[in-house]
Amino acid sequence: MQKAILALGCFWGPEEKFHKIKGIASSEVGYCGGNSPNVTYEEVCSGFTNHAEVVKLEYDENTISYEDIMRFFYDFHDATQLNGQGLNIGTNYRSEIFYTSEDQKKVAEKIFNEQNKKFKGMVVTKISKEKNYCKAEEFHQKYFQKRNR
């Protein structure tokens, strides 16, 4: 299994979308890119930790490629909105890809360039090395699944 860590706004909606895709073995929501390895939702929302809300995926690379996941990433959010998605505003809702290997970095850059050309240079997605990933509180895990029973 491989992993992908993606920030695309509030983590609830994207997690719901990704877990329905064939080849995604598991998903969880968390925080990544900040100054500390352990943070809470309240701390992240303050904007002072530098973390983004993220979806962490485990996927079967024999069924779905990282490149395919990158294409879903851009389909699932507005990568031209700086520091937010819709009404959710703040750096914790930014568009960012956290790569875990040089191969992932190359693929992320390739798809970024394609998207940026398509959107005439307006894509604001950051591409960064994974830093201080922390799983979110249990309340946030599978949020929509828990509420749609």
Protein backbone atom coordinates (compact mmCIF):
# COMPACT_ATOMS: atom_id res chain seq x y z
CA MET A 1 0.00 0.00 0.00
CA GLN A 2 1.04 3.55 -0.74
CA LYS A 3 -0.11 6.74 0.96
CA ALA A 4 -1.14 10.18 -0.25
CA ILE A 5 -1.72 13.25 1.92
CA LEU A 6 -3.82 16.03 0.42
CA ALA A 7 -5.18 19.36 1.64
CA LEU A 8 -8.27 20.54 -0.24
CA GLY A 9 -10.39 22.57 2.14
CA CYS A 10 -12.47 21.16 4.97
CA PHE A 11 -11.44 17.51 5.21
CA TRP A 12 -14.91 15.98 5.65
CA GLY A 13 -16.15 16.27 2.06
CA PRO A 14 -12.98 15.12 0.29
CA GLU A 15 -12.62 12.11 2.59
CA GLU A 16 -16.17 11.08 1.70
CA LYS A 17 -15.41 11.40 -2.02
CA PHE A 18 -12.06 9.61 -1.95
CA HIS A 19 -13.20 6.62 0.10
CA LYS A 20 -15.71 5.73 -2.66
CA ILE A 21 -12.98 5.39 -5.32
CA LYS A 22 -11.85 1.94 -6.33
CA GLY A 23 -8.31 1.31 -5.12
CA ILE A 24 -8.53 3.54 -2.06
CA ALA A 25 -8.08 1.05 0.76
CA SER A 26 -8.55 3.47 3.66
CA SER A 27 -8.82 7.13 4.51
CA GLU A 28 -8.47 9.27 7.57
CA VAL A 29 -8.48 12.99 8.22
CA GLY A 30 -5.75 14.91 9.95
CA TYR A 31 -3.47 17.90 9.95
CA CYS A 32 -0.16 18.37 8.12
CA GLY A 33 2.46 20.95 7.24
CA GLY A 34 2.66 22.74 10.54
CA ASN A 35 5.19 23.44 13.24
CA SER A 36 4.30 20.66 15.69
CA PRO A 37 3.70 16.90 15.40
CA ASN A 38 0.70 17.07 17.78
CA VAL A 39 -2.11 19.60 17.45
CA THR A 40 -5.83 19.87 18.08
CA TYR A 41 -8.59 21.07 15.79
CA GLU A 42 -8.93 24.26 17.82
CA GLU A 43 -5.21 24.98 17.52
CA VAL A 44 -5.25 24.38 13.76
CA CYS A 45 -8.31 26.63 13.33
CA SER A 46 -6.48 29.44 15.14
CA GLY A 47 -4.20 29.75 12.11
CA PHE A 48 -1.07 29.85 14.27
CA THR A 49 0.13 26.26 13.78
CA ASN A 50 0.60 26.44 9.98
CA HIS A 51 -1.20 23.09 9.59
CA ALA A 52 -3.70 22.35 6.85
CA GLU A 53 -6.69 20.05 7.18
CA VAL A 54 -5.80 16.97 5.12
CA VAL A 55 -7.06 13.64 3.93
CA LYS A 56 -4.60 10.77 4.27
CA LEU A 57 -5.24 7.95 1.83
CA GLU A 58 -3.86 4.44 1.64
CA TYR A 59 -4.20 3.10 -1.86
CA ASP A 60 -3.39 0.03 -3.92
CA GLU A 61 -1.05 1.21 -6.67
CA ASN A 62 -2.02 -1.86 -8.74
CA THR A 63 -5.59 -0.51 -8.91
CA ILE A 64 -5.16 3.28 -8.89
CA SER A 65 -2.11 5.38 -9.63
CA TYR A 66 -0.85 8.41 -7.76
CA GLU A 67 -1.40 10.34 -10.99
CA ASP A 68 -5.07 9.34 -10.96
CA ILE A 69 -5.33 10.47 -7.34
CA MET A 70 -3.80 13.81 -8.33
CA ARG A 71 -6.47 14.24 -11.03
CA PHE A 72 -9.22 13.51 -8.48
CA PHE A 73 -7.56 16.01 -6.14
CA TYR A 74 -8.03 18.80 -8.68
CA ASP A 75 -11.55 17.63 -9.57
CA PHE A 76 -12.63 17.66 -5.91
CA HIS A 77 -11.85 21.30 -5.08
CA ASP A 78 -11.17 24.78 -6.45
CA ALA A 79 -7.39 24.95 -6.65
CA THR A 80 -7.56 28.60 -7.70
CA GLN A 81 -8.96 29.84 -4.37
CA LEU A 82 -6.17 31.00 -2.06
CA ASN A 83 -6.38 29.88 1.58
CA GLY A 84 -9.90 28.58 1.53
CA GLN A 85 -12.69 26.67 -0.13
CA GLY A 86 -16.05 28.31 -0.52
CA LEU A 87 -17.05 29.86 2.79
CA ASN A 88 -14.26 28.09 4.69
CA ILE A 89 -11.51 30.70 4.81
CA GLY A 90 -8.07 30.40 6.40
CA THR A 91 -4.67 28.88 5.76
CA ASN A 92 -5.86 25.62 7.33
CA TYR A 93 -8.20 25.24 4.31
CA ARG A 94 -5.50 25.79 1.69
CA SER A 95 -4.83 23.66 -1.37
CA GLU A 96 -1.65 21.63 -0.84
CA ILE A 97 -0.15 18.31 -1.84
CA PHE A 98 2.17 16.72 0.72
CA TYR A 99 4.47 14.31 -1.09
CA THR A 100 6.15 11.38 0.61
CA SER A 101 8.72 10.55 -2.08
CA GLU A 102 10.54 12.18 -4.98
CA ASP A 103 8.39 10.15 -7.39
CA GLN A 104 5.24 11.63 -5.85
CA LYS A 105 6.77 15.11 -6.07
CA LYS A 106 7.44 14.69 -9.80
CA VAL A 107 3.91 13.45 -10.50
CA ALA A 108 2.39 16.25 -8.38
CA GLU A 109 4.42 18.86 -10.28
CA LYS A 110 3.42 17.35 -13.64
CA ILE A 111 -0.31 17.46 -12.85
CA PHE A 112 0.02 20.90 -11.24
CA ASN A 113 1.56 22.23 -14.47
CA GLU A 114 -1.25 20.71 -16.55
CA GLN A 115 -3.90 22.23 -14.27
CA ASN A 116 -2.15 25.59 -14.09
CA LYS A 117 -2.07 25.76 -17.88
CA LYS A 118 -5.76 24.81 -18.05
CA PHE A 119 -6.62 27.55 -15.52
CA LYS A 120 -4.34 30.15 -17.11
CA GLY A 121 -1.81 30.38 -14.28
CA MET A 122 -4.38 30.76 -11.49
CA VAL A 123 -3.71 27.51 -9.56
CA VAL A 124 -2.49 28.26 -6.01
CA THR A 125 -1.84 24.67 -4.86
CA LYS A 126 1.37 24.26 -2.90
CA ILE A 127 3.51 21.14 -3.25
CA SER A 128 5.47 20.34 -0.09
CA LYS A 129 7.25 17.48 1.61
CA GLU A 130 5.14 15.79 4.27
CA LYS A 131 5.76 17.50 7.61
CA ASN A 132 4.27 16.82 11.04
CA TYR A 133 1.24 14.78 10.01
CA CYS A 134 -1.15 14.29 12.93
CA LYS A 135 -4.40 12.31 12.87
CA ALA A 136 -7.49 14.41 13.67
CA GLU A 137 -9.73 13.71 16.62
CA GLU A 138 -12.09 10.74 16.38
CA PHE A 139 -15.09 13.08 16.07
CA HIS A 140 -13.81 14.13 12.63
CA GLN A 141 -13.12 10.62 11.27
CA LYS A 142 -15.68 9.38 8.72
CA TYR A 143 -17.81 12.39 9.67
CA PHE A 144 -20.47 12.03 6.96
CA GLN A 145 -20.64 8.25 7.23
CA LYS A 146 -21.39 8.50 10.97
CA ARG A 147 -24.21 10.98 10.33
CA ASN A 148 -25.87 9.23 7.38
CA ARG A 149 -26.77 5.97 9.08
